[in-house]
C-alpha atoms as a PDB file:
ATOM      1  CA  UNK A   1     127.429  64.623 106.458  1.00  0.00           C
ATOM      2  CA  UNK A   2     125.790  67.862 105.367  1.00  0.00           C
ATOM      3  CA  UNK A   3     122.141  68.800 104.911  1.00  0.00           C
ATOM      4  CA  UNK A   4     121.093  71.468 102.394  1.00  0.00           C
ATOM      5  CA  UNK A   5     117.648  72.474 103.607  1.00  0.00           C
ATOM      6  CA  UNK A   6     116.793  74.669 100.609  1.00  0.00           C
ATOM      7  CA  UNK A   7     118.252  74.436  97.107  1.00  0.00           C
ATOM      8  CA  UNK A   8     117.120  74.431  93.481  1.00  0.00           C
ATOM      9  CA  UNK A   9     118.486  71.438  91.604  1.00  0.00           C
ATOM     10  CA  UNK A  10     115.307  71.935  89.553  1.00  0.00           C
ATOM     11  CA  UNK A  11     116.477  75.391  88.355  1.00  0.00           C
ATOM     12  CA  UNK A  12     114.688  76.016  85.050  1.00  0.00           C
ATOM     13  CA  UNK A  13     117.793  77.248  83.229  1.00  0.00           C
ATOM     14  CA  UNK A  14     119.729  74.034  83.815  1.00  0.00           C
ATOM     15  CA  UNK A  15     119.948  71.691  80.854  1.00  0.00           C
ATOM     16  CA  UNK A  16     119.486  67.998  81.583  1.00  0.00           C
ATOM     17  CA  UNK A  17     123.241  67.554  81.168  1.00  0.00           C
ATOM     18  CA  UNK A  18     123.997  70.387  83.603  1.00  0.00           C
ATOM     19  CA  UNK A  19     121.589  68.920  86.126  1.00  0.00           C
ATOM     20  CA  UNK A  20     123.195  65.482  85.875  1.00  0.00           C
ATOM     21  CA  UNK A  21     126.646  67.034  86.212  1.00  0.00           C
ATOM     22  CA  UNK A  22     125.594  68.929  89.322  1.00  0.00           C
ATOM     23  CA  UNK A  23     124.062  65.773  90.777  1.00  0.00           C
ATOM     24  CA  UNK A  24     127.391  64.017  90.230  1.00  0.00           C
ATOM     25  CA  UNK A  25     129.189  66.821  92.104  1.00  0.00           C
ATOM     26  CA  UNK A  26     126.728  66.487  94.971  1.00  0.00           C
ATOM     27  CA  UNK A  27     127.295  62.744  95.163  1.00  0.00           C
ATOM     28  CA  UNK A  28     131.042  63.295  95.422  1.00  0.00           C
ATOM     29  CA  UNK A  29     130.651  65.912  98.169  1.00  0.00           C
ATOM     30  CA  UNK A  30     129.762  65.752 101.870  1.00  0.00           C
ATOM     31  CA  UNK A  31     126.115  66.560 101.073  1.00  0.00           C
ATOM     32  CA  UNK A  32     124.051  63.562 102.164  1.00  0.00           C
ATOM     33  CA  UNK A  33     120.589  65.075 101.873  1.00  0.00           C
ATOM     34  CA  UNK A  34     118.950  68.106 100.272  1.00  0.00           C
ATOM     35  CA  UNK A  35     115.535  69.606  99.657  1.00  0.00           C
ATOM     36  CA  UNK A  36     114.886  70.550  96.021  1.00  0.00           C
ATOM     37  CA  UNK A  37     112.500  73.486  96.268  1.00  0.00           C
ATOM     38  CA  UNK A  38     109.853  74.503  93.730  1.00  0.00           C
ATOM     39  CA  UNK A  39     108.700  77.989  92.789  1.00  0.00           C
ATOM     40  CA  UNK A  40     105.898  76.982  90.406  1.00  0.00           C
ATOM     41  CA  UNK A  41     104.056  73.891  89.181  1.00  0.00           C
ATOM     42  CA  UNK A  42     106.592  73.072  86.457  1.00  0.00           C
ATOM     43  CA  UNK A  43     109.538  73.330  88.846  1.00  0.00           C
ATOM     44  CA  UNK A  44     107.616  71.240  91.390  1.00  0.00           C
ATOM     45  CA  UNK A  45     107.310  68.492  88.790  1.00  0.00           C
ATOM     46  CA  UNK A  46     111.048  68.715  88.091  1.00  0.00           C
ATOM     47  CA  UNK A  47     111.828  68.604  91.835  1.00  0.00           C
ATOM     48  CA  UNK A  48     109.793  65.415  92.154  1.00  0.00           C
ATOM     49  CA  UNK A  49     111.555  63.932  89.113  1.00  0.00           C
ATOM     50  CA  UNK A  50     114.900  64.784  90.748  1.00  0.00           C
ATOM     51  CA  UNK A  51     113.747  63.169  93.984  1.00  0.00           C
ATOM     52  CA  UNK A  52     112.780  60.034  92.069  1.00  0.00           C
ATOM     53  CA  UNK A  53     116.215  59.940  90.436  1.00  0.00           C
ATOM     54  CA  UNK A  54     118.398  60.517  93.505  1.00  0.00           C
ATOM     55  CA  UNK A  55     118.054  58.896  96.928  1.00  0.00           C
ATOM     56  CA  UNK A  56     119.540  61.955  98.666  1.00  0.00           C
ATOM     57  CA  UNK A  57     116.995  64.340  97.122  1.00  0.00           C
ATOM     58  CA  UNK A  58     113.570  65.275  98.464  1.00  0.00           C
ATOM     59  CA  UNK A  59     111.120  67.836  97.080  1.00  0.00           C
ATOM     60  CA  UNK A  60     109.152  70.835  98.300  1.00  0.00           C
ATOM     61  CA  UNK A  61     106.199  71.848  96.125  1.00  0.00           C
ATOM     62  CA  UNK A  62     104.647  75.304  96.017  1.00  0.00           C
ATOM     63  CA  UNK A  63     104.235  78.596  94.180  1.00  0.00           C
ATOM     64  CA  UNK A  64     106.610  81.508  94.858  1.00  0.00           C
ATOM     65  CA  UNK A  65     105.168  85.027  95.318  1.00  0.00           C
ATOM     66  CA  UNK A  66     106.895  86.076  92.077  1.00  0.00           C
ATOM     67  CA  UNK A  67     104.103  84.211  90.271  1.00  0.00           C
ATOM     68  CA  UNK A  68     101.271  86.060  92.018  1.00  0.00           C
ATOM     69  CA  UNK A  69     100.809  88.355  89.019  1.00  0.00           C
ATOM     70  CA  UNK A  70      99.379  85.322  87.191  1.00  0.00           C
ATOM     71  CA  UNK A  71      96.243  85.815  89.271  1.00  0.00           C
ATOM     72  CA  UNK A  72      95.906  89.568  88.749  1.00  0.00           C
ATOM     73  CA  UNK A  73      92.573  90.864  90.006  1.00  0.00           C
ATOM     74  CA  UNK A  74      91.623  87.602  91.719  1.00  0.00           C
ATOM     75  CA  UNK A  75      88.427  87.360  89.732  1.00  0.00           C
ATOM     76  CA  UNK A  76      87.008  85.351  86.853  1.00  0.00           C
ATOM     77  CA  UNK A  77      89.671  83.451  84.923  1.00  0.00           C
ATOM     78  CA  UNK A  78      92.418  84.542  87.331  1.00  0.00           C
ATOM     79  CA  UNK A  79      90.600  83.075  90.303  1.00  0.00           C
ATOM     80  CA  UNK A  80      89.894  79.867  88.417  1.00  0.00           C
ATOM     81  CA  UNK A  81      93.623  79.613  87.579  1.00  0.00           C
ATOM     82  CA  UNK A  82      94.490  80.065  91.231  1.00  0.00           C
ATOM     83  CA  UNK A  83      92.003  77.391  92.283  1.00  0.00           C
ATOM     84  CA  UNK A  84      93.370  74.996  89.657  1.00  0.00           C
ATOM     85  CA  UNK A  85      96.993  75.678  90.611  1.00  0.00           C
ATOM     86  CA  UNK A  86      96.350  75.101  94.307  1.00  0.00           C
ATOM     87  CA  UNK A  87      94.677  71.816  93.428  1.00  0.00           C
ATOM     88  CA  UNK A  88      97.688  70.902  91.270  1.00  0.00           C
ATOM     89  CA  UNK A  89     100.045  71.550  94.191  1.00  0.00           C
ATOM     90  CA  UNK A  90      97.777  69.420  96.395  1.00  0.00           C
ATOM     91  CA  UNK A  91      98.134  66.526  93.970  1.00  0.00           C
ATOM     92  CA  UNK A  92     101.907  66.951  93.647  1.00  0.00           C
ATOM     93  CA  UNK A  93     102.247  67.048  97.435  1.00  0.00           C
ATOM     94  CA  UNK A  94     100.819  63.518  97.574  1.00  0.00           C
ATOM     95  CA  UNK A  95     104.021  62.184  95.993  1.00  0.00           C
ATOM     96  CA  UNK A  96     105.969  60.124  98.573  1.00  0.00           C
ATOM     97  CA  UNK A  97     109.133  62.216  98.025  1.00  0.00           C
ATOM     98  CA  UNK A  98     107.343  65.536  98.675  1.00  0.00           C
ATOM     99  CA  UNK A  99     108.189  66.666 102.198  1.00  0.00           C
ATOM    100  CA  UNK A 100     107.041  70.315 102.370  1.00  0.00           C
ATOM    101  CA  UNK A 101     104.921  73.048 100.832  1.00  0.00           C
ATOM    102  CA  UNK A 102     107.240  75.728  99.514  1.00  0.00           C
ATOM    103  CA  UNK A 103     108.596  78.033  98.779  1.00  0.00           C
ATOM    104  CA  UNK A 104     105.707  80.353  99.562  1.00  0.00           C
ATOM    105  CA  UNK A 105     105.399  83.802 101.097  1.00  0.00           C
ATOM    106  CA  UNK A 106     105.725  87.494 100.292  1.00  0.00           C
ATOM    107  CA  UNK A 107     108.272  89.482  98.304  1.00  0.00           C
ATOM    108  CA  UNK A 108     107.844  93.273  98.288  1.00  0.00           C
ATOM    109  CA  UNK A 109     111.434  94.051  97.300  1.00  0.00           C
ATOM    110  CA  UNK A 110     110.482  95.565  93.966  1.00  0.00           C
ATOM    111  CA  UNK A 111     107.471  97.484  95.290  1.00  0.00           C
ATOM    112  CA  UNK A 112     105.191  95.430  93.071  1.00  0.00           C
ATOM    113  CA  UNK A 113     101.517  96.133  92.471  1.00  0.00           C
ATOM    114  CA  UNK A 114     100.434  92.517  93.088  1.00  0.00           C
ATOM    115  CA  UNK A 115     100.418  92.619  96.883  1.00  0.00           C
ATOM    116  CA  UNK A 116      96.798  91.513  97.217  1.00  0.00           C
ATOM    117  CA  UNK A 117      97.468  88.553  94.922  1.00  0.00           C
ATOM    118  CA  UNK A 118     100.647  87.642  96.821  1.00  0.00           C
ATOM    119  CA  UNK A 119      98.767  87.598 100.091  1.00  0.00           C
ATOM    120  CA  UNK A 120      95.932  85.457  98.747  1.00  0.00           C
ATOM    121  CA  UNK A 121      98.368  82.989  97.161  1.00  0.00           C
ATOM    122  CA  UNK A 122     100.305  82.836 100.441  1.00  0.00           C
ATOM    123  CA  UNK A 123      97.185  82.287 102.541  1.00  0.00           C
ATOM    124  CA  UNK A 124      95.873  79.557 100.240  1.00  0.00           C
ATOM    125  CA  UNK A 125      99.130  77.617 100.475  1.00  0.00           C
ATOM    126  CA  UNK A 126      99.375  77.905 104.267  1.00  0.00           C
ATOM    127  CA  UNK A 127      95.876  76.463 104.418  1.00  0.00           C
ATOM    128  CA  UNK A 128      96.947  73.683 102.079  1.00  0.00           C
ATOM    129  CA  UNK A 129      99.953  72.859 104.284  1.00  0.00           C
ATOM    130  CA  UNK A 130      97.626  72.738 107.286  1.00  0.00           C
ATOM    131  CA  UNK A 131      95.178  70.538 105.406  1.00  0.00           C
ATOM    132  CA  UNK A 132      97.975  68.119 104.508  1.00  0.00           C
ATOM    133  CA  UNK A 133      99.852  68.399 107.850  1.00  0.00           C
ATOM    134  CA  UNK A 134     103.081  69.299 106.016  1.00  0.00           C
ATOM    135  CA  UNK A 135     106.044  71.561 106.828  1.00  0.00           C
ATOM    136  CA  UNK A 136     106.059  75.018 105.228  1.00  0.00           C
ATOM    137  CA  UNK A 137     109.008  76.841 103.636  1.00  0.00           C
ATOM    138  CA  UNK A 138     108.636  80.622 103.866  1.00  0.00           C
ATOM    139  CA  UNK A 139     110.111  83.255 101.546  1.00  0.00           C
ATOM    140  CA  UNK A 140     109.884  86.740 103.055  1.00  0.00           C
ATOM    141  CA  UNK A 141     111.566  89.838 101.654  1.00  0.00           C
ATOM    142  CA  UNK A 142     110.746  93.388 102.726  1.00  0.00           C
ATOM    143  CA  UNK A 143     107.548  92.104 104.353  1.00  0.00           C
ATOM    144  CA  UNK A 144     108.721  90.748 107.689  1.00  0.00           C
ATOM    145  CA  UNK A 145     105.886  91.814 109.985  1.00  0.00           C
ATOM    146  CA  UNK A 146     103.119  91.089 107.465  1.00  0.00           C
ATOM    147  CA  UNK A 147     104.571  87.632 106.856  1.00  0.00           C
ATOM    148  CA  UNK A 148     104.405  86.868 110.566  1.00  0.00           C
ATOM    149  CA  UNK A 149     100.895  88.321 110.852  1.00  0.00           C
ATOM    150  CA  UNK A 150      99.563  86.159 108.010  1.00  0.00           C
ATOM    151  CA  UNK A 151     101.247  83.035 109.376  1.00  0.00           C
ATOM    152  CA  UNK A 152      99.560  83.660 112.716  1.00  0.00           C
ATOM    153  CA  UNK A 153      96.171  84.448 111.165  1.00  0.00           C
ATOM    154  CA  UNK A 154      96.216  81.278 109.051  1.00  0.00           C
ATOM    155  CA  UNK A 155      97.083  78.979 111.943  1.00  0.00           C
ATOM    156  CA  UNK A 156     100.694  78.213 111.041  1.00  0.00           C
ATOM    157  CA  UNK A 157     101.610  78.525 114.726  1.00  0.00           C
ATOM    158  CA  UNK A 158      98.383  77.174 116.210  1.00  0.00           C
ATOM    159  CA  UNK A 159      98.382  74.608 118.986  1.00  0.00           C
ATOM    160  CA  UNK A 160      96.540  72.256 116.652  1.00  0.00           C
ATOM    161  CA  UNK A 161      99.274  72.448 114.020  1.00  0.00           C
ATOM    162  CA  UNK A 162     101.995  71.934 116.619  1.00  0.00           C
ATOM    163  CA  UNK A 163     100.188  68.830 117.852  1.00  0.00           C
ATOM    164  CA  UNK A 164     100.783  67.145 114.471  1.00  0.00           C
ATOM    165  CA  UNK A 165     104.566  67.124 114.884  1.00  0.00           C
ATOM    166  CA  UNK A 166     106.890  65.705 117.555  1.00  0.00           C
ATOM    167  CA  UNK A 167     108.505  68.222 119.863  1.00  0.00           C
ATOM    168  CA  UNK A 168     112.053  69.337 119.139  1.00  0.00           C
ATOM    169  CA  UNK A 169     115.040  69.446 121.483  1.00  0.00           C
ATOM    170  CA  UNK A 170     116.193  72.799 122.780  1.00  0.00           C
ATOM    171  CA  UNK A 171     118.713  74.170 125.267  1.00  0.00           C
ATOM    172  CA  UNK A 172     116.046  74.225 127.988  1.00  0.00           C
ATOM    173  CA  UNK A 173     114.304  70.991 127.034  1.00  0.00           C
ATOM    174  CA  UNK A 174     111.780  70.029 124.383  1.00  0.00           C
ATOM    175  CA  UNK A 175     109.635  72.730 122.732  1.00  0.00           C
ATOM    176  CA  UNK A 176     106.672  72.689 120.359  1.00  0.00           C
ATOM    177  CA  UNK A 177     107.491  72.538 116.650  1.00  0.00           C
ATOM    178  CA  UNK A 178     105.269  74.221 114.052  1.00  0.00           C
ATOM    179  CA  UNK A 179     107.487  72.990 111.171  1.00  0.00           C
ATOM    180  CA  UNK A 180     107.711  76.459 109.622  1.00  0.00           C
ATOM    181  CA  UNK A 181     111.063  77.142 107.925  1.00  0.00           C
ATOM    182  CA  UNK A 182     112.014  80.807 107.619  1.00  0.00           C
ATOM    183  CA  UNK A 183     114.091  80.301 104.478  1.00  0.00           C
ATOM    184  CA  UNK A 184     117.197  82.429 103.913  1.00  0.00           C
ATOM    185  CA  UNK A 185     116.168  84.457 106.924  1.00  0.00           C
ATOM    186  CA  UNK A 186     117.041  88.147 106.574  1.00  0.00           C
ATOM    187  CA  UNK A 187     115.253  89.706 109.538  1.00  0.00           C
ATOM    188  CA  UNK A 188     116.629  90.816 112.886  1.00  0.00           C
ATOM    189  CA  UNK A 189     117.805  88.553 115.693  1.00  0.00           C
ATOM    190  CA  UNK A 190     114.959  89.906 117.822  1.00  0.00           C
ATOM    191  CA  UNK A 191     112.345  88.888 115.242  1.00  0.00           C
ATOM    192  CA  UNK A 192     114.058  85.498 114.895  1.00  0.00           C
ATOM    193  CA  UNK A 193     113.656  84.980 118.629  1.00  0.00           C
ATOM    194  CA  UNK A 194     109.939  85.743 118.281  1.00  0.00           C
ATOM    195  CA  UNK A 195     109.674  83.160 115.516  1.00  0.00           C
ATOM    196  CA  UNK A 196     111.432  80.541 117.636  1.00  0.00           C
ATOM    197  CA  UNK A 197     108.979  81.124 120.481  1.00  0.00           C
ATOM    198  CA  UNK A 198     106.127  80.588 118.007  1.00  0.00           C
ATOM    199  CA  UNK A 199     107.617  77.257 116.914  1.00  0.00           C
ATOM    200  CA  UNK A 200     109.399  78.259 113.688  1.00  0.00           C
ATOM    201  CA  UNK A 201     112.889  77.224 112.550  1.00  0.00           C
ATOM    202  CA  UNK A 202     115.430  79.683 111.138  1.00  0.00           C
ATOM    203  CA  UNK A 203     117.294  78.669 107.955  1.00  0.00           C
ATOM    204  CA  UNK A 204     120.577  80.438 107.162  1.00  0.00           C
ATOM    205  CA  UNK A 205     122.680  80.461 104.018  1.00  0.00           C
ATOM    206  CA  UNK A 206     125.400  82.371 102.199  1.00  0.00           C
ATOM    207  CA  UNK A 207     124.803  85.810 103.774  1.00  0.00           C
ATOM    208  CA  UNK A 208     126.262  84.654 107.107  1.00  0.00           C
ATOM    209  CA  UNK A 209     129.627  84.424 105.307  1.00  0.00           C
ATOM    210  CA  UNK A 210     129.442  87.879 103.698  1.00  0.00           C
ATOM    211  CA  UNK A 211     131.499  90.764 105.052  1.00  0.00           C
ATOM    212  CA  UNK A 212     128.310  92.862 105.136  1.00  0.00           C
ATOM    213  CA  UNK A 213     126.228  89.973 106.523  1.00  0.00           C
ATOM    214  CA  UNK A 214     126.374  91.189 110.109  1.00  0.00           C
ATOM    215  CA  UNK A 215     122.640  90.824 110.682  1.00  0.00           C
ATOM    216  CA  UNK A 216     122.611  87.182 109.562  1.00  0.00           C
ATOM    217  CA  UNK A 217     125.725  86.442 111.605  1.00  0.00           C
ATOM    218  CA  UNK A 218     124.090  87.929 114.697  1.00  0.00           C
ATOM    219  CA  UNK A 219     121.070  85.667 114.165  1.00  0.00           C
ATOM    220  CA  UNK A 220     123.401  82.669 113.992  1.00  0.00           C
ATOM    221  CA  UNK A 221     125.080  83.754 117.235  1.00  0.00           C
ATOM    222  CA  UNK A 222     121.876  84.391 119.181  1.00  0.00           C
ATOM    223  CA  UNK A 223     119.585  81.581 118.069  1.00  0.00           C
ATOM    224  CA  UNK A 224     120.350  78.167 119.613  1.00  0.00           C
ATOM    225  CA  UNK A 225     121.634  75.759 116.982  1.00  0.00           C
ATOM    226  CA  UNK A 226     118.784  73.342 117.755  1.00  0.00           C
ATOM    227  CA  UNK A 227     116.489  75.848 115.990  1.00  0.00           C
ATOM    228  CA  UNK A 228     118.672  76.401 112.910  1.00  0.00           C
ATOM    229  CA  UNK A 229     118.903  74.843 109.455  1.00  0.00           C
ATOM    230  CA  UNK A 230     121.703  75.184 106.886  1.00  0.00           C
ATOM    231  CA  UNK A 231     120.890  75.977 103.256  1.00  0.00           C
ATOM    232  CA  UNK A 232     122.471  77.215 100.028  1.00  0.00           C
ATOM    233  CA  UNK A 233     119.471  78.517  98.030  1.00  0.00           C
ATOM    234  CA  UNK A 234     121.611  77.456  95.047  1.00  0.00           C
ATOM    235  CA  UNK A 235     122.121  78.626  92.372  1.00  0.00           C
ATOM    236  CA  UNK A 236     121.718  81.959  94.196  1.00  0.00           C
ATOM    237  CA  UNK A 237     123.831  83.662  96.894  1.00  0.00           C
ATOM    238  CA  UNK A 238     127.056  81.681  96.814  1.00  0.00           C
ATOM    239  CA  UNK A 239     128.990  81.986 100.077  1.00  0.00           C
ATOM    240  CA  UNK A 240     132.431  83.464 100.544  1.00  0.00           C
ATOM    241  CA  UNK A 241     134.987  82.662  99.183  1.00  0.00           C
ATOM    242  CA  UNK A 242     132.910  81.718  96.120  1.00  0.00           C
ATOM    243  CA  UNK A 243     130.685  84.778  96.009  1.00  0.00           C
ATOM    244  CA  UNK A 244     129.895  85.905  92.478  1.00  0.00           C
ATOM    245  CA  UNK A 245     129.773  82.382  91.092  1.00  0.00           C
ATOM    246  CA  UNK A 246     126.625  80.278  90.584  1.00  0.00           C
ATOM    247  CA  UNK A 247     125.966  78.592  93.918  1.00  0.00           C
ATOM    248  CA  UNK A 248     125.940  74.801  94.329  1.00  0.00           C
ATOM    249  CA  UNK A 249     124.778  72.505  97.112  1.00  0.00           C
ATOM    250  CA  UNK A 250     128.344  71.318  97.872  1.00  0.00           C
ATOM    251  CA  UNK A 251     129.151  74.913  98.846  1.00  0.00           C
ATOM    252  CA  UNK A 252     127.049  74.320 101.973  1.00  0.00           C
ATOM    253  CA  UNK A 253     130.354  73.326 103.584  1.00  0.00           C
ATOM    254  CA  UNK A 254     131.414  76.996 103.739  1.00  0.00           C
ATOM    255  CA  UNK A 255     128.128  77.978 105.363  1.00  0.00           C
ATOM    256  CA  UNK A 256     128.303  75.237 107.993  1.00  0.00           C
ATOM    257  CA  UNK A 257     131.947  76.085 108.749  1.00  0.00           C
ATOM    258  CA  UNK A 258     130.945  79.711 109.362  1.00  0.00           C
ATOM    259  CA  UNK A 259     127.995  78.646 111.510  1.00  0.00           C
ATOM    260  CA  UNK A 260     130.325  76.449 113.555  1.00  0.00           C
ATOM    261  CA  UNK A 261     132.653  79.398 114.222  1.00  0.00           C
ATOM    262  CA  UNK A 262     129.753  81.651 115.177  1.00  0.00           C
ATOM    263  CA  UNK A 263     128.395  78.997 117.572  1.00  0.00           C
ATOM    264  CA  UNK A 264     131.787  78.115 119.065  1.00  0.00           C
ATOM    265  CA  UNK A 265     131.579  74.524 117.840  1.00  0.00           C
ATOM    266  CA  UNK A 266     133.791  72.297 115.755  1.00  0.00           C
ATOM    267  CA  UNK A 267     132.820  71.793 112.133  1.00  0.00           C
ATOM    268  CA  UNK A 268     131.978  68.139 112.817  1.00  0.00           C
ATOM    269  CA  UNK A 269     129.788  69.052 115.796  1.00  0.00           C
ATOM    270  CA  UNK A 270     127.883  71.721 113.865  1.00  0.00           C
ATOM    271  CA  UNK A 271     127.404  69.580 110.757  1.00  0.00           C
ATOM    272  CA  UNK A 272     126.077  66.663 112.825  1.00  0.00           C
ATOM    273  CA  UNK A 273     123.551  68.834 114.678  1.00  0.00           C
ATOM    274  CA  UNK A 274     122.375  70.626 111.539  1.00  0.00           C
ATOM    275  CA  UNK A 275     122.031  67.310 109.714  1.00  0.00           C
ATOM    276  CA  UNK A 276     119.805  65.932 112.477  1.00  0.00           C
ATOM    277  CA  UNK A 277     117.815  69.189 112.534  1.00  0.00           C
ATOM    278  CA  UNK A 278     117.108  68.807 108.814  1.00  0.00           C
ATOM    279  CA  UNK A 279     116.088  65.167 109.088  1.00  0.00           C
ATOM    280  CA  UNK A 280     113.763  65.964 111.972  1.00  0.00           C
ATOM    281  CA  UNK A 281     112.192  69.011 110.336  1.00  0.00           C
ATOM    282  CA  UNK A 282     111.333  67.198 107.097  1.00  0.00           C
ATOM    283  CA  UNK A 283     110.623  63.844 108.775  1.00  0.00           C
ATOM    284  CA  UNK A 284     113.289  62.047 106.752  1.00  0.00           C
END
């Protein structure tokens, strides 16, 4: 059994027929559970609809930093929109198939001029996850240190938050779990180790299979598998040998096989551990 800890069955460009076809492929694959992740309110609604339709599907609801420009200036109408959207996510998170707030975070890849808005949107949603005692799925690109700083400042790694969740197994015994998923992690192994000490979980996808994915592969080697999750981020970043095609959740097999090699485990051993990690993280 395989667990896809971050995918987008709710992708806005899918037609209903394409979505049903993909769901059929998933049902015929080794994927037994996946998290359908939102990037805005509309996609959160679709993720919840998918979760209602399929027993193996659960939803994460949140607003991606790409939408921060909707709140430009953080005043007047923009601030009222932000308040309303946070309240909408709060209501969607009450759905019984919603298991996390996400994906949320910072994306400075394009050198955008909405950094203040991204940070405020990020902070608001961390607070919401704390209010609701829910796991958080973090998107961080070209903002590694600031992402960690904001998570710390907003209590994502506080002792109080860790007290809400059962401890997780580790190579040296049980450790505190903050239920913070570093989605499609692209930072260094050293930073990943810092995150693990804080109680975060590292989620790895297609890049660990790439020929130029040495950094991701090193993270997979160094971080104990008890602190890892497997993900596709489909339809993005298909793994080798399918790179260049639209990604799909069933392609998680290639990612788990590569993780198994990097960890010196059999495919069955790695898939079983990663499946249990996913169930534990999302309380499924």
